[in-house]
Amino acid sequence: HERWAQFLELHPADIAQFLAMVSKEHCQHLFLRLPITLRIEVFSEYSTNMKLFTLSFLNDQDKAGILNNTPIDELTDLFDELS
């Protein structure tokens, strides 16, 4: 529990970098444990590939929560990548 608390205190960019280095399963598990406000911050630090991977495992409510809080320029870049 203490390690998790320390993990949550890291800068969102550091959390994003860590999650990008672990297995997809660990990444998914850990991302889903993050508080929603931190999820949004970590998501914005992700590469496009990590954003796409994350959207692939989120339920519709979680996707909406993150996308509604993502700056429009980031959304534009993401949708450009999808097309």
N, C-alpha and C. Protein backbone atom coordinates (compact mmCIF):
# COMPACT_ATOMS: atom_id res chain seq x y z
N HIS A 1 0.83 -1.21 0.00
CA HIS A 1 0.00 0.00 0.00
C HIS A 1 0.86 1.26 0.00
N GLU A 2 1.98 1.18 0.74
CA GLU A 2 2.87 2.35 0.80
C GLU A 2 3.49 2.62 -0.56
N ARG A 3 3.88 1.55 -1.27
CA ARG A 3 4.46 1.72 -2.61
C ARG A 3 3.44 2.31 -3.57
N TRP A 4 2.18 1.87 -3.47
CA TRP A 4 1.13 2.41 -4.34
C TRP A 4 0.95 3.90 -4.06
N ALA A 5 0.95 4.27 -2.80
CA ALA A 5 0.81 5.68 -2.43
C ALA A 5 1.97 6.50 -3.01
N GLN A 6 3.17 5.95 -2.96
CA GLN A 6 4.33 6.63 -3.53
C GLN A 6 4.19 6.73 -5.05
N PHE A 7 3.71 5.68 -5.67
CA PHE A 7 3.50 5.66 -7.11
C PHE A 7 2.53 6.77 -7.52
N LEU A 8 1.46 6.93 -6.77
CA LEU A 8 0.45 7.93 -7.07
C LEU A 8 0.97 9.36 -6.92
N GLU A 9 2.06 9.52 -6.17
CA GLU A 9 2.63 10.85 -5.97
C GLU A 9 3.59 11.25 -7.08
N LEU A 10 3.94 10.30 -7.95
CA LEU A 10 4.83 10.61 -9.07
C LEU A 10 4.17 11.59 -10.02
N HIS A 11 4.98 12.28 -10.79
CA HIS A 11 4.46 13.18 -11.82
C HIS A 11 3.74 12.32 -12.87
N PRO A 12 2.62 12.80 -13.41
CA PRO A 12 1.89 12.02 -14.42
C PRO A 12 2.76 11.57 -15.59
N ALA A 13 3.74 12.38 -15.99
CA ALA A 13 4.63 11.99 -17.09
C ALA A 13 5.47 10.78 -16.70
N ASP A 14 5.89 10.71 -15.43
CA ASP A 14 6.67 9.57 -14.96
C ASP A 14 5.82 8.31 -14.88
N ILE A 15 4.58 8.48 -14.45
CA ILE A 15 3.66 7.33 -14.40
C ILE A 15 3.41 6.83 -15.82
N ALA A 16 3.18 7.75 -16.75
CA ALA A 16 2.95 7.37 -18.15
C ALA A 16 4.14 6.62 -18.71
N GLN A 17 5.33 7.10 -18.43
CA GLN A 17 6.55 6.45 -18.92
C GLN A 17 6.68 5.05 -18.32
N PHE A 18 6.42 4.92 -17.03
CA PHE A 18 6.49 3.61 -16.38
C PHE A 18 5.48 2.65 -17.00
N LEU A 19 4.23 3.09 -17.17
CA LEU A 19 3.19 2.22 -17.72
C LEU A 19 3.50 1.80 -19.15
N ALA A 20 4.21 2.64 -19.88
CA ALA A 20 4.59 2.31 -21.26
C ALA A 20 5.66 1.21 -21.30
N MET A 21 6.36 1.01 -20.18
CA MET A 21 7.45 0.03 -20.14
C MET A 21 7.04 -1.34 -19.61
N VAL A 22 5.91 -1.41 -18.92
CA VAL A 22 5.48 -2.70 -18.36
C VAL A 22 4.62 -3.44 -19.39
N SER A 23 4.31 -4.69 -19.09
CA SER A 23 3.48 -5.47 -20.02
C SER A 23 2.12 -4.81 -20.19
N LYS A 24 1.46 -5.13 -21.29
CA LYS A 24 0.13 -4.58 -21.57
C LYS A 24 -0.83 -4.90 -20.43
N GLU A 25 -0.74 -6.13 -19.89
CA GLU A 25 -1.65 -6.54 -18.82
C GLU A 25 -1.42 -5.70 -17.56
N HIS A 26 -0.15 -5.51 -17.19
CA HIS A 26 0.16 -4.70 -16.01
C HIS A 26 -0.26 -3.25 -16.24
N CYS A 27 0.00 -2.75 -17.43
CA CYS A 27 -0.38 -1.39 -17.75
C CYS A 27 -1.88 -1.19 -17.57
N GLN A 28 -2.65 -2.10 -18.13
CA GLN A 28 -4.10 -2.01 -18.03
C GLN A 28 -4.54 -2.05 -16.57
N HIS A 29 -4.03 -3.01 -15.83
CA HIS A 29 -4.41 -3.18 -14.42
C HIS A 29 -4.08 -1.92 -13.61
N LEU A 30 -2.87 -1.41 -13.78
CA LEU A 30 -2.46 -0.25 -13.00
C LEU A 30 -3.21 1.01 -13.42
N PHE A 31 -3.42 1.19 -14.72
CA PHE A 31 -4.14 2.38 -15.18
C PHE A 31 -5.55 2.41 -14.61
N LEU A 32 -6.20 1.26 -14.59
CA LEU A 32 -7.58 1.19 -14.09
C LEU A 32 -7.65 1.44 -12.58
N ARG A 33 -6.55 1.26 -11.87
CA ARG A 33 -6.53 1.53 -10.42
C ARG A 33 -6.30 3.00 -10.11
N LEU A 34 -5.85 3.77 -11.10
CA LEU A 34 -5.57 5.19 -10.85
C LEU A 34 -6.87 5.95 -10.59
N PRO A 35 -6.82 6.96 -9.72
CA PRO A 35 -7.98 7.85 -9.56
C PRO A 35 -8.27 8.53 -10.90
N ILE A 36 -9.52 8.82 -11.18
CA ILE A 36 -9.92 9.34 -12.49
C ILE A 36 -9.16 10.62 -12.86
N THR A 37 -8.94 11.51 -11.91
CA THR A 37 -8.22 12.75 -12.24
C THR A 37 -6.79 12.45 -12.68
N LEU A 38 -6.16 11.47 -12.05
CA LEU A 38 -4.80 11.09 -12.43
C LEU A 38 -4.81 10.35 -13.76
N ARG A 39 -5.83 9.55 -14.01
CA ARG A 39 -5.95 8.88 -15.32
C ARG A 39 -5.92 9.89 -16.44
N ILE A 40 -6.67 10.97 -16.27
CA ILE A 40 -6.76 12.01 -17.31
C ILE A 40 -5.37 12.63 -17.54
N GLU A 41 -4.67 12.92 -16.46
CA GLU A 41 -3.34 13.53 -16.58
C GLU A 41 -2.35 12.58 -17.22
N VAL A 42 -2.37 11.31 -16.81
CA VAL A 42 -1.45 10.32 -17.37
C VAL A 42 -1.77 10.11 -18.86
N PHE A 43 -3.05 10.02 -19.19
CA PHE A 43 -3.47 9.83 -20.58
C PHE A 43 -2.90 10.93 -21.47
N SER A 44 -2.92 12.16 -20.99
CA SER A 44 -2.45 13.28 -21.80
C SER A 44 -0.93 13.22 -22.01
N GLU A 45 -0.23 12.49 -21.15
CA GLU A 45 1.23 12.34 -21.29
C GLU A 45 1.61 11.17 -22.22
N TYR A 46 0.66 10.32 -22.52
CA TYR A 46 0.93 9.14 -23.34
C TYR A 46 1.27 9.48 -24.78
N SER A 47 2.01 8.58 -25.41
CA SER A 47 2.20 8.64 -26.86
C SER A 47 0.87 8.27 -27.51
N THR A 48 0.77 8.54 -28.79
CA THR A 48 -0.46 8.19 -29.52
C THR A 48 -0.76 6.70 -29.41
N ASN A 49 0.25 5.86 -29.57
CA ASN A 49 0.03 4.41 -29.48
C ASN A 49 -0.50 3.99 -28.11
N MET A 50 0.04 4.60 -27.06
CA MET A 50 -0.43 4.27 -25.71
C MET A 50 -1.86 4.78 -25.51
N LYS A 51 -2.19 5.94 -26.08
CA LYS A 51 -3.56 6.44 -25.98
C LYS A 51 -4.52 5.48 -26.66
N LEU A 52 -4.15 5.02 -27.84
CA LEU A 52 -5.02 4.08 -28.58
C LEU A 52 -5.18 2.77 -27.82
N PHE A 53 -4.08 2.27 -27.26
CA PHE A 53 -4.15 1.04 -26.47
C PHE A 53 -5.08 1.24 -25.27
N THR A 54 -4.93 2.35 -24.59
CA THR A 54 -5.74 2.62 -23.40
C THR A 54 -7.22 2.70 -23.76
N LEU A 55 -7.53 3.39 -24.84
CA LEU A 55 -8.93 3.49 -25.26
C LEU A 55 -9.51 2.12 -25.61
N SER A 56 -8.65 1.19 -26.03
CA SER A 56 -9.12 -0.14 -26.43
C SER A 56 -9.66 -0.95 -25.25
N PHE A 57 -9.18 -0.66 -24.02
CA PHE A 57 -9.65 -1.46 -22.88
C PHE A 57 -10.59 -0.72 -21.94
N LEU A 58 -10.79 0.57 -22.15
CA LEU A 58 -11.69 1.31 -21.28
C LEU A 58 -13.15 1.08 -21.67
N ASN A 59 -14.03 1.09 -20.68
CA ASN A 59 -15.46 1.02 -21.00
C ASN A 59 -15.90 2.39 -21.52
N ASP A 60 -17.10 2.46 -22.06
CA ASP A 60 -17.57 3.69 -22.70
C ASP A 60 -17.59 4.88 -21.74
N GLN A 61 -18.00 4.64 -20.50
CA GLN A 61 -18.06 5.72 -19.51
C GLN A 61 -16.67 6.28 -19.23
N ASP A 62 -15.68 5.38 -19.06
CA ASP A 62 -14.32 5.83 -18.79
C ASP A 62 -13.73 6.55 -20.01
N LYS A 63 -14.01 6.02 -21.21
CA LYS A 63 -13.54 6.69 -22.44
C LYS A 63 -14.09 8.10 -22.50
N ALA A 64 -15.39 8.25 -22.27
CA ALA A 64 -16.02 9.56 -22.33
C ALA A 64 -15.40 10.50 -21.30
N GLY A 65 -15.17 10.01 -20.10
CA GLY A 65 -14.58 10.83 -19.05
C GLY A 65 -13.21 11.35 -19.43
N ILE A 66 -12.40 10.50 -20.04
CA ILE A 66 -11.06 10.92 -20.45
C ILE A 66 -11.13 11.83 -21.67
N LEU A 67 -11.87 11.44 -22.67
CA LEU A 67 -11.91 12.23 -23.91
C LEU A 67 -12.54 13.60 -23.69
N ASN A 68 -13.53 13.68 -22.80
CA ASN A 68 -14.15 14.97 -22.49
C ASN A 68 -13.18 15.93 -21.79
N ASN A 69 -12.14 15.37 -21.20
CA ASN A 69 -11.16 16.19 -20.49
C ASN A 69 -9.83 16.30 -21.22
N THR A 70 -9.81 15.84 -22.47
CA THR A 70 -8.60 15.93 -23.29
C THR A 70 -8.69 17.20 -24.15
N PRO A 71 -7.62 18.00 -24.16
CA PRO A 71 -7.63 19.22 -24.97
C PRO A 71 -7.92 18.90 -26.45
N ILE A 72 -8.61 19.82 -27.10
CA ILE A 72 -9.07 19.59 -28.46
C ILE A 72 -7.92 19.32 -29.43
N ASP A 73 -6.77 19.97 -29.24
CA ASP A 73 -5.64 19.73 -30.15
C ASP A 73 -5.11 18.31 -30.01
N GLU A 74 -5.13 17.78 -28.79
CA GLU A 74 -4.71 16.39 -28.59
C GLU A 74 -5.72 15.43 -29.23
N LEU A 75 -6.99 15.74 -29.09
CA LEU A 75 -8.03 14.90 -29.73
C LEU A 75 -7.88 14.91 -31.24
N THR A 76 -7.59 16.08 -31.80
CA THR A 76 -7.41 16.20 -33.24
C THR A 76 -6.26 15.31 -33.70
N ASP A 77 -5.14 15.37 -32.99
CA ASP A 77 -3.99 14.53 -33.33
C ASP A 77 -4.34 13.05 -33.24
N LEU A 78 -5.08 12.69 -32.21
CA LEU A 78 -5.48 11.30 -32.00
C LEU A 78 -6.38 10.81 -33.14
N PHE A 79 -7.36 11.63 -33.49
CA PHE A 79 -8.28 11.21 -34.56
C PHE A 79 -7.60 11.22 -35.92
N ASP A 80 -6.63 12.10 -36.11
CA ASP A 80 -5.83 12.08 -37.35
C ASP A 80 -5.09 10.74 -37.46
N GLU A 81 -4.58 10.28 -36.34
CA GLU A 81 -3.84 9.01 -36.30
C GLU A 81 -4.77 7.83 -36.60
N LEU A 82 -6.01 7.92 -36.18
CA LEU A 82 -6.98 6.84 -36.40
C LEU A 82 -7.39 6.71 -37.86
N SER A 83 -7.42 7.83 -38.57
CA SER A 83 -7.93 7.80 -39.95
C SER A 83 -6.88 7.36 -40.95
